[in-house]
């Protein structure tokens, strides 16, 4: 994953921490190991100041549920 603008442009201005190549996350070839810089767990509840990170966890849950049905 890379930091980008809302339009999907990978530009330096969209990079909040100056990571090389706007890299925000990496995963292994099997797709079962993910390392993320944004730390969505720190923005998963309103009491923490933001719920933006909750979307990532919700998408994982939805994906797992869809795999279970299929």
C-alpha atoms as a PDB file:
ATOM      1  CA  UNK A   1       0.000   0.000   0.000  1.00  0.00           C
ATOM      2  CA  UNK A   2       1.140   3.510  -0.686  1.00  0.00           C
ATOM      3  CA  UNK A   3       0.097   6.885   0.622  1.00  0.00           C
ATOM      4  CA  UNK A   4      -1.882   8.678  -2.072  1.00  0.00           C
ATOM      5  CA  UNK A   5      -4.303  11.506  -2.665  1.00  0.00           C
ATOM      6  CA  UNK A   6      -8.072  10.853  -2.603  1.00  0.00           C
ATOM      7  CA  UNK A   7      -7.810  10.612  -6.400  1.00  0.00           C
ATOM      8  CA  UNK A   8      -5.208   7.832  -6.107  1.00  0.00           C
ATOM      9  CA  UNK A   9      -2.168   9.896  -7.077  1.00  0.00           C
ATOM     10  CA  UNK A  10       1.043   8.739  -5.367  1.00  0.00           C
ATOM     11  CA  UNK A  11       2.736  12.099  -4.803  1.00  0.00           C
ATOM     12  CA  UNK A  12       5.054  13.429  -2.088  1.00  0.00           C
ATOM     13  CA  UNK A  13       2.330  15.740  -0.778  1.00  0.00           C
ATOM     14  CA  UNK A  14       0.201  12.702   0.174  1.00  0.00           C
ATOM     15  CA  UNK A  15       2.992  11.161   2.263  1.00  0.00           C
ATOM     16  CA  UNK A  16       2.659  12.173   5.934  1.00  0.00           C
ATOM     17  CA  UNK A  17       5.959  10.671   7.103  1.00  0.00           C
ATOM     18  CA  UNK A  18       8.370  10.880   4.168  1.00  0.00           C
ATOM     19  CA  UNK A  19       8.641   7.109   3.628  1.00  0.00           C
ATOM     20  CA  UNK A  20      10.549   6.053   0.513  1.00  0.00           C
ATOM     21  CA  UNK A  21       8.187   5.558  -2.434  1.00  0.00           C
ATOM     22  CA  UNK A  22       5.207   6.640  -0.288  1.00  0.00           C
ATOM     23  CA  UNK A  23       5.165   3.128   1.201  1.00  0.00           C
ATOM     24  CA  UNK A  24       2.497   2.740   3.896  1.00  0.00           C
ATOM     25  CA  UNK A  25       2.413  -1.065   4.188  1.00  0.00           C
ATOM     26  CA  UNK A  26       4.071  -4.221   2.904  1.00  0.00           C
ATOM     27  CA  UNK A  27       2.994  -7.862   2.815  1.00  0.00           C
ATOM     28  CA  UNK A  28       4.659 -11.159   2.071  1.00  0.00           C
ATOM     29  CA  UNK A  29       4.072 -13.088  -1.177  1.00  0.00           C
ATOM     30  CA  UNK A  30       1.543 -15.420   0.491  1.00  0.00           C
ATOM     31  CA  UNK A  31      -0.472 -12.431   1.692  1.00  0.00           C
ATOM     32  CA  UNK A  32      -0.689 -13.673   5.258  1.00  0.00           C
ATOM     33  CA  UNK A  33       1.769 -11.219   6.851  1.00  0.00           C
ATOM     34  CA  UNK A  34       1.152  -7.478   6.721  1.00  0.00           C
ATOM     35  CA  UNK A  35       3.181  -4.634   8.199  1.00  0.00           C
ATOM     36  CA  UNK A  36       1.513  -1.219   8.305  1.00  0.00           C
ATOM     37  CA  UNK A  37       2.841   2.218   9.158  1.00  0.00           C
ATOM     38  CA  UNK A  38      -0.479   4.034   9.680  1.00  0.00           C
ATOM     39  CA  UNK A  39      -1.350   1.933  12.778  1.00  0.00           C
ATOM     40  CA  UNK A  40      -5.123   1.770  12.235  1.00  0.00           C
ATOM     41  CA  UNK A  41      -5.605   0.313  15.720  1.00  0.00           C
ATOM     42  CA  UNK A  42      -4.819   3.762  17.088  1.00  0.00           C
ATOM     43  CA  UNK A  43      -7.787   5.225  15.223  1.00  0.00           C
ATOM     44  CA  UNK A  44     -10.473   2.601  15.690  1.00  0.00           C
ATOM     45  CA  UNK A  45     -12.674   4.256  18.314  1.00  0.00           C
ATOM     46  CA  UNK A  46     -14.007   7.759  18.819  1.00  0.00           C
ATOM     47  CA  UNK A  47     -12.545   7.827  22.333  1.00  0.00           C
ATOM     48  CA  UNK A  48      -9.093   7.585  20.704  1.00  0.00           C
ATOM     49  CA  UNK A  49      -9.814  10.659  18.584  1.00  0.00           C
ATOM     50  CA  UNK A  50     -10.705   9.020  15.270  1.00  0.00           C
ATOM     51  CA  UNK A  51     -12.612   6.079  13.832  1.00  0.00           C
ATOM     52  CA  UNK A  52     -10.912   6.141  10.405  1.00  0.00           C
ATOM     53  CA  UNK A  53      -8.889   2.995  11.164  1.00  0.00           C
ATOM     54  CA  UNK A  54     -12.031   1.008  11.929  1.00  0.00           C
ATOM     55  CA  UNK A  55     -12.716   0.676   8.180  1.00  0.00           C
ATOM     56  CA  UNK A  56      -9.626  -1.474   7.733  1.00  0.00           C
ATOM     57  CA  UNK A  57     -10.714  -3.878  10.457  1.00  0.00           C
ATOM     58  CA  UNK A  58     -14.287  -3.970   9.157  1.00  0.00           C
ATOM     59  CA  UNK A  59     -13.055  -4.835   5.671  1.00  0.00           C
ATOM     60  CA  UNK A  60     -10.999  -7.731   7.090  1.00  0.00           C
ATOM     61  CA  UNK A  61     -14.047  -9.063   8.959  1.00  0.00           C
ATOM     62  CA  UNK A  62     -16.205  -8.796   5.831  1.00  0.00           C
ATOM     63  CA  UNK A  63     -13.578 -10.598   3.757  1.00  0.00           C
ATOM     64  CA  UNK A  64     -13.313 -13.404   6.315  1.00  0.00           C
ATOM     65  CA  UNK A  65     -17.100 -13.785   6.421  1.00  0.00           C
ATOM     66  CA  UNK A  66     -17.295 -13.963   2.635  1.00  0.00           C
ATOM     67  CA  UNK A  67     -14.627 -16.688   2.573  1.00  0.00           C
ATOM     68  CA  UNK A  68     -16.547 -18.699   5.159  1.00  0.00           C
ATOM     69  CA  UNK A  69     -19.748 -18.600   3.054  1.00  0.00           C
ATOM     70  CA  UNK A  70     -18.021 -19.455  -0.212  1.00  0.00           C
END
